């Protein structure tokens, strides 16, 4: 078994579903140019952090100067938790905070690498890191970037969470996936409630996930009625994708990664104290959105009925 295969087997044993390897070379300039154009059109909404030194996102050596290779890992989060009749919460938010989970698992993988080289240098990244992880995942053969702008794998669909180890190891890269594999399908675009997805691009400023999670303050009147019944996030484009129809359910309880059922009603959420909110969102990505924004979203869901 090659060293690369040993790394992949170890990652799979830690709970990841897909693992790929790519070089730490800069991501091609065409993708950087498209990203800058997207920013210039204001499609990042209020996410100003995306516009800070965009070139650095496409150059892994900015994170680790000695970088030679990148191990890209993905975990499936598709769940079958019964839907709450009052509102919808994006599936990934029903699991323990994936940032912590993935970082911890990648740390274990890095410790495994250190058994081969005690002087190993590495950096662990999850989606909050300033790196173009979807472009790297595509280059590592994890999947293609679909019309829903998400990494999509032929077996696991697009219910995928990503993480990376940037390392000074020189590893044999996997074959990249170079083309989108959506064909003429437009189901995700047609399913998008707010028109954030279109044939030519994606406007995050209109995206329900952005509006319910990242956007601060009042929501534009033209978009308010597009949000219900989404309390936190939106995955209508994922649910419409044919690749997700037959993709497997996440079964990671043995790793401590299991979705929870939310039994609260909208009325109960609107009455939450700060303490109740913190208990409800303990070890959840929902906590960083804050009580005020969750109640704002809950009011929209309630008043829409």
Protein backbone atom coordinates (compact mmCIF):
# COMPACT_ATOMS: atom_id res chain seq x y z
CA UNK A 1 0.00 0.00 0.00
CA UNK A 2 1.37 3.43 -0.98
CA UNK A 3 1.92 6.14 1.60
CA UNK A 4 -0.95 8.12 0.03
CA UNK A 5 -3.29 5.12 0.39
CA UNK A 6 -2.30 4.72 4.04
CA UNK A 7 -3.21 8.37 4.65
CA UNK A 8 -6.58 7.90 2.97
CA UNK A 9 -7.36 4.72 4.88
CA UNK A 10 -6.52 6.46 8.14
CA UNK A 11 -8.79 9.41 7.24
CA UNK A 12 -11.66 7.05 6.41
CA UNK A 13 -11.16 5.27 9.74
CA UNK A 14 -11.56 8.63 11.48
CA UNK A 15 -15.00 9.17 9.96
CA UNK A 16 -14.37 10.97 6.68
CA UNK A 17 -16.19 9.69 3.59
CA UNK A 18 -13.97 10.98 0.78
CA UNK A 19 -10.27 11.86 0.75
CA UNK A 20 -8.19 13.33 -2.04
CA UNK A 21 -4.74 14.81 -2.44
CA UNK A 22 -3.59 17.77 -4.49
CA UNK A 23 -0.48 19.89 -4.76
CA UNK A 24 -0.08 23.16 -2.89
CA UNK A 25 0.35 25.07 -6.15
CA UNK A 26 -1.65 28.25 -6.61
CA UNK A 27 -5.18 27.77 -7.89
CA UNK A 28 -5.48 28.80 -11.53
CA UNK A 29 -5.81 32.49 -12.27
CA UNK A 30 -9.08 32.08 -14.15
CA UNK A 31 -10.86 31.10 -10.94
CA UNK A 32 -9.26 34.02 -9.11
CA UNK A 33 -10.41 36.37 -11.87
CA UNK A 34 -13.98 35.03 -11.66
CA UNK A 35 -13.96 35.43 -7.88
CA UNK A 36 -12.82 39.06 -8.14
CA UNK A 37 -15.57 39.74 -10.67
CA UNK A 38 -18.12 38.15 -8.31
CA UNK A 39 -16.91 40.46 -5.53
CA UNK A 40 -17.03 43.50 -7.81
CA UNK A 41 -20.71 42.77 -8.50
CA UNK A 42 -21.44 42.86 -4.75
CA UNK A 43 -22.53 39.23 -4.70
CA UNK A 44 -20.83 38.66 -1.35
CA UNK A 45 -23.47 40.82 0.38
CA UNK A 46 -22.25 41.96 3.79
CA UNK A 47 -19.54 39.30 3.97
CA UNK A 48 -16.74 41.83 3.68
CA UNK A 49 -14.17 39.32 4.92
CA UNK A 50 -14.37 37.57 1.54
CA UNK A 51 -13.00 40.68 -0.15
CA UNK A 52 -9.90 40.96 2.04
CA UNK A 53 -6.82 40.11 -0.04
CA UNK A 54 -8.67 37.67 -2.34
CA UNK A 55 -5.38 36.59 -3.97
CA UNK A 56 -4.35 34.91 -0.71
CA UNK A 57 -7.36 32.58 -0.86
CA UNK A 58 -6.00 31.10 -4.06
CA UNK A 59 -2.43 30.61 -2.85
CA UNK A 60 -2.01 27.89 -0.17
CA UNK A 61 1.56 29.02 0.52
CA UNK A 62 0.09 32.11 2.19
CA UNK A 63 -1.14 29.78 4.92
CA UNK A 64 1.97 27.57 5.04
CA UNK A 65 5.03 28.94 3.20
CA UNK A 66 6.64 25.47 3.05
CA UNK A 67 3.47 23.89 1.63
CA UNK A 68 3.96 21.06 -0.86
CA UNK A 69 0.71 19.08 -0.70
CA UNK A 70 -2.87 19.36 0.51
CA UNK A 71 -4.98 16.53 1.89
CA UNK A 72 -8.65 17.31 1.25
CA UNK A 73 -11.29 15.43 3.22
CA UNK A 74 -15.08 15.47 3.09
CA UNK A 75 -17.77 14.16 5.39
CA UNK A 76 -21.35 13.42 4.36
CA UNK A 77 -24.01 15.14 6.49
CA UNK A 78 -27.23 14.07 4.79
CA UNK A 79 -29.70 13.21 7.56
CA UNK A 80 -33.16 11.71 7.98
CA UNK A 81 -34.28 13.62 11.06
CA UNK A 82 -38.06 14.28 10.86
CA UNK A 83 -38.80 17.77 9.58
CA UNK A 84 -40.17 20.25 12.11
CA UNK A 85 -43.70 21.29 11.04
CA UNK A 86 -43.09 24.91 12.13
CA UNK A 87 -39.82 25.70 10.36
CA UNK A 88 -36.74 24.36 8.56
CA UNK A 89 -33.16 24.23 9.80
CA UNK A 90 -30.34 23.35 7.38
CA UNK A 91 -29.23 19.76 8.04
CA UNK A 92 -25.61 20.57 8.88
CA UNK A 93 -26.77 22.75 11.79
CA UNK A 94 -28.45 19.75 13.43
CA UNK A 95 -25.06 18.11 13.97
CA UNK A 96 -22.37 19.09 16.49
CA UNK A 97 -20.41 22.11 15.22
CA UNK A 98 -18.60 20.69 12.20
CA UNK A 99 -15.75 23.20 12.50
CA UNK A 100 -14.68 21.59 15.77
CA UNK A 101 -15.45 18.05 14.63
CA UNK A 102 -13.47 18.30 11.40
CA UNK A 103 -10.55 20.14 13.02
CA UNK A 104 -10.30 17.47 15.71
CA UNK A 105 -10.37 14.65 13.17
CA UNK A 106 -7.81 16.35 10.94
CA UNK A 107 -5.61 16.87 14.01
CA UNK A 108 -5.73 13.12 14.59
CA UNK A 109 -4.78 12.57 10.96
CA UNK A 110 -1.89 15.04 11.32
CA UNK A 111 -0.67 13.12 14.39
CA UNK A 112 -0.66 10.00 12.24
CA UNK A 113 1.45 11.81 9.64
CA UNK A 114 3.89 12.85 12.34
CA UNK A 115 4.65 9.19 13.06
CA UNK A 116 6.32 9.18 9.64
CA UNK A 117 7.99 12.57 10.06
CA UNK A 118 8.26 14.09 13.57
CA UNK A 119 9.28 17.41 11.96
CA UNK A 120 6.11 17.62 9.91
CA UNK A 121 4.77 21.11 9.31
CA UNK A 122 1.07 21.55 8.63
CA UNK A 123 -1.95 23.83 8.88
CA UNK A 124 -5.52 22.66 9.31
CA UNK A 125 -8.29 24.52 7.48
CA UNK A 126 -12.06 24.34 7.61
CA UNK A 127 -14.43 26.68 5.75
CA UNK A 128 -13.74 29.61 8.08
CA UNK A 129 -10.12 29.63 6.85
CA UNK A 130 -9.12 31.99 4.05
CA UNK A 131 -8.66 29.32 1.39
CA UNK A 132 -10.65 28.46 -1.74
CA UNK A 133 -11.49 25.00 -0.46
CA UNK A 134 -14.03 24.03 -3.12
CA UNK A 135 -11.50 24.72 -5.87
CA UNK A 136 -8.94 22.61 -4.00
CA UNK A 137 -11.47 19.81 -3.44
CA UNK A 138 -12.21 19.72 -7.15
CA UNK A 139 -8.49 19.62 -7.92
CA UNK A 140 -8.08 16.76 -5.42
CA UNK A 141 -10.79 14.72 -7.14
CA UNK A 142 -13.34 15.02 -4.31
CA UNK A 143 -16.07 16.22 -6.64
CA UNK A 144 -17.12 18.93 -9.08
CA UNK A 145 -18.57 22.35 -8.35
CA UNK A 146 -22.19 22.07 -9.42
CA UNK A 147 -24.65 24.72 -10.53
CA UNK A 148 -25.65 25.02 -6.87
CA UNK A 149 -22.03 26.20 -6.29
CA UNK A 150 -21.39 23.26 -3.98
CA UNK A 151 -18.89 20.42 -4.22
CA UNK A 152 -20.81 17.45 -5.59
CA UNK A 153 -19.63 13.85 -5.56
CA UNK A 154 -21.23 11.19 -7.76
CA UNK A 155 -21.77 8.85 -4.79
CA UNK A 156 -22.30 11.22 -1.86
CA UNK A 157 -23.98 14.12 -3.66
CA UNK A 158 -23.52 17.64 -2.30
CA UNK A 159 -24.33 17.18 1.39
CA UNK A 160 -20.60 17.48 2.08
CA UNK A 161 -18.51 19.35 4.63
CA UNK A 162 -14.87 19.98 3.76
CA UNK A 163 -11.58 20.25 5.58
CA UNK A 164 -7.93 20.38 4.56
CA UNK A 165 -4.43 19.69 5.85
CA UNK A 166 -1.84 21.84 4.13
CA UNK A 167 1.53 20.17 4.67
CA UNK A 168 5.20 20.28 3.72
CA UNK A 169 4.99 16.59 2.75
CA UNK A 170 5.37 15.92 -0.96
CA UNK A 171 2.55 13.56 -1.89
CA UNK A 172 1.36 12.12 -5.18
CA UNK A 173 -1.71 14.16 -6.21
CA UNK A 174 -4.96 12.58 -7.32
CA UNK A 175 -6.50 13.15 -10.71
CA UNK A 176 -8.48 16.41 -10.66
CA UNK A 177 -12.08 16.70 -11.74
CA UNK A 178 -12.00 19.33 -14.44
CA UNK A 179 -15.58 19.67 -15.56
CA UNK A 180 -18.96 20.32 -14.04
CA UNK A 181 -21.16 17.23 -14.40
CA UNK A 182 -24.63 18.75 -14.17
CA UNK A 183 -25.35 18.51 -17.88
CA UNK A 184 -28.50 20.37 -18.84
CA UNK A 185 -30.08 19.92 -15.41
CA UNK A 186 -31.37 23.17 -13.87
CA UNK A 187 -33.31 21.74 -10.92
CA UNK A 188 -31.27 23.54 -8.25
CA UNK A 189 -31.66 26.88 -10.03
CA UNK A 190 -35.40 26.36 -10.40
CA UNK A 191 -35.74 25.33 -6.75
CA UNK A 192 -33.97 28.38 -5.31
CA UNK A 193 -36.74 30.34 -3.50
CA UNK A 194 -35.07 33.74 -3.75
CA UNK A 195 -33.43 33.65 -7.17
CA UNK A 196 -29.95 33.67 -5.66
CA UNK A 197 -28.96 30.92 -8.08
CA UNK A 198 -29.15 31.60 -11.79
CA UNK A 199 -27.75 30.07 -14.92
CA UNK A 200 -24.76 32.40 -14.94
CA UNK A 201 -23.87 32.71 -11.28
CA UNK A 202 -24.78 33.00 -7.64
CA UNK A 203 -25.73 36.10 -5.67
CA UNK A 204 -25.08 35.41 -1.99
CA UNK A 205 -26.81 38.66 -1.05
CA UNK A 206 -30.12 37.04 -2.09
CA UNK A 207 -29.37 33.60 -0.66
CA UNK A 208 -31.63 32.50 2.21
CA UNK A 209 -28.68 30.87 3.96
CA UNK A 210 -26.83 34.18 3.91
CA UNK A 211 -29.90 36.19 4.93
CA UNK A 212 -30.83 33.96 7.87
CA UNK A 213 -27.29 33.34 9.13
CA UNK A 214 -24.89 36.13 8.17
CA UNK A 215 -27.02 39.18 7.39
CA UNK A 216 -27.31 41.63 10.26
CA UNK A 217 -30.28 43.89 10.87
CA UNK A 218 -33.49 44.08 8.89
CA UNK A 219 -34.00 42.07 5.73
CA UNK A 220 -35.05 43.84 2.56
CA UNK A 221 -38.83 43.81 2.08
CA UNK A 222 -38.53 42.19 -1.35
CA UNK A 223 -36.77 39.19 0.20
CA UNK A 224 -38.69 38.81 3.47
CA UNK A 225 -41.46 36.69 2.00
CA UNK A 226 -38.89 34.42 0.33
CA UNK A 227 -37.45 33.26 3.65
CA UNK A 228 -40.25 31.33 5.44
CA UNK A 229 -40.25 28.60 6.59
CA UNK A 230 -36.43 28.70 6.85
CA UNK A 231 -35.34 29.53 10.39
CA UNK A 232 -31.66 28.88 9.81
CA UNK A 233 -30.10 28.26 6.42
CA UNK A 234 -31.64 26.78 3.32
CA UNK A 235 -30.98 23.62 1.32
CA UNK A 236 -33.69 23.68 -1.32
CA UNK A 237 -31.01 23.53 -4.03
CA UNK A 238 -29.50 20.41 -2.42
CA UNK A 239 -32.84 18.69 -2.06
CA UNK A 240 -33.59 19.30 -5.74
CA UNK A 241 -30.26 17.90 -6.97
CA UNK A 242 -30.54 14.45 -8.59
CA UNK A 243 -27.16 13.49 -7.16
CA UNK A 244 -28.69 13.74 -3.69
CA UNK A 245 -31.68 11.53 -4.44
CA UNK A 246 -29.79 8.28 -3.97
CA UNK A 247 -26.89 9.53 -1.85
CA UNK A 248 -26.46 7.74 1.50
CA UNK A 249 -27.58 9.00 4.88
CA UNK A 250 -24.82 10.04 7.27
CA UNK A 251 -24.27 7.34 9.88
CA UNK A 252 -21.57 8.70 12.15
CA UNK A 253 -23.02 8.21 15.63
CA UNK A 254 -20.00 6.10 16.57
CA UNK A 255 -17.81 9.15 15.91
CA UNK A 256 -19.99 11.53 17.92
CA UNK A 257 -21.40 13.15 14.77
CA UNK A 258 -25.16 12.66 14.83
CA UNK A 259 -28.06 14.94 13.90
CA UNK A 260 -30.55 15.91 16.58
CA UNK A 261 -34.29 16.32 16.33
CA UNK A 262 -35.57 19.84 17.12
CA UNK A 263 -38.96 19.75 18.83
CA UNK A 264 -39.41 23.44 19.63
CA UNK A 265 -42.18 25.49 18.06
CA UNK A 266 -41.81 28.99 16.62
CA UNK A 267 -43.73 30.40 19.59
CA UNK A 268 -41.31 28.77 22.02
CA UNK A 269 -38.28 30.08 20.15
CA UNK A 270 -39.68 33.61 20.20
CA UNK A 271 -39.85 33.34 24.01
CA UNK A 272 -36.27 32.07 24.38
CA UNK A 273 -34.10 33.73 27.00
CA UNK A 274 -30.38 34.03 26.29
CA UNK A 275 -29.78 31.02 28.54
CA UNK A 276 -32.40 28.93 26.73
CA UNK A 277 -30.94 29.92 23.37
CA UNK A 278 -27.44 28.94 24.50
CA UNK A 279 -28.75 25.57 25.69
CA UNK A 280 -30.62 25.05 22.40
CA UNK A 281 -27.55 25.91 20.30
CA UNK A 282 -24.87 24.35 22.49
CA UNK A 283 -22.10 22.92 20.25
CA UNK A 284 -24.04 24.06 17.19
CA UNK A 285 -23.15 26.44 14.36
CA UNK A 286 -26.43 28.22 15.13
CA UNK A 287 -24.94 29.75 18.25
CA UNK A 288 -22.75 32.23 16.37
CA UNK A 289 -25.80 33.67 14.57
CA UNK A 290 -27.09 34.87 17.92
CA UNK A 291 -30.47 35.05 19.62
CA UNK A 292 -31.54 38.34 17.99
CA UNK A 293 -31.15 37.07 14.44
CA UNK A 294 -32.79 33.73 15.23
CA UNK A 295 -35.80 35.58 16.68
CA UNK A 296 -35.86 37.87 13.64
CA UNK A 297 -36.06 34.80 11.42
CA UNK A 298 -38.66 33.19 13.69
CA UNK A 299 -40.91 36.27 13.40
CA UNK A 300 -40.78 36.03 9.61
CA UNK A 301 -41.72 32.36 9.79
CA UNK A 302 -44.57 33.05 12.21
CA UNK A 303 -46.00 36.04 10.38
CA UNK A 304 -45.90 34.26 7.04
CA UNK A 305 -48.42 31.67 8.20
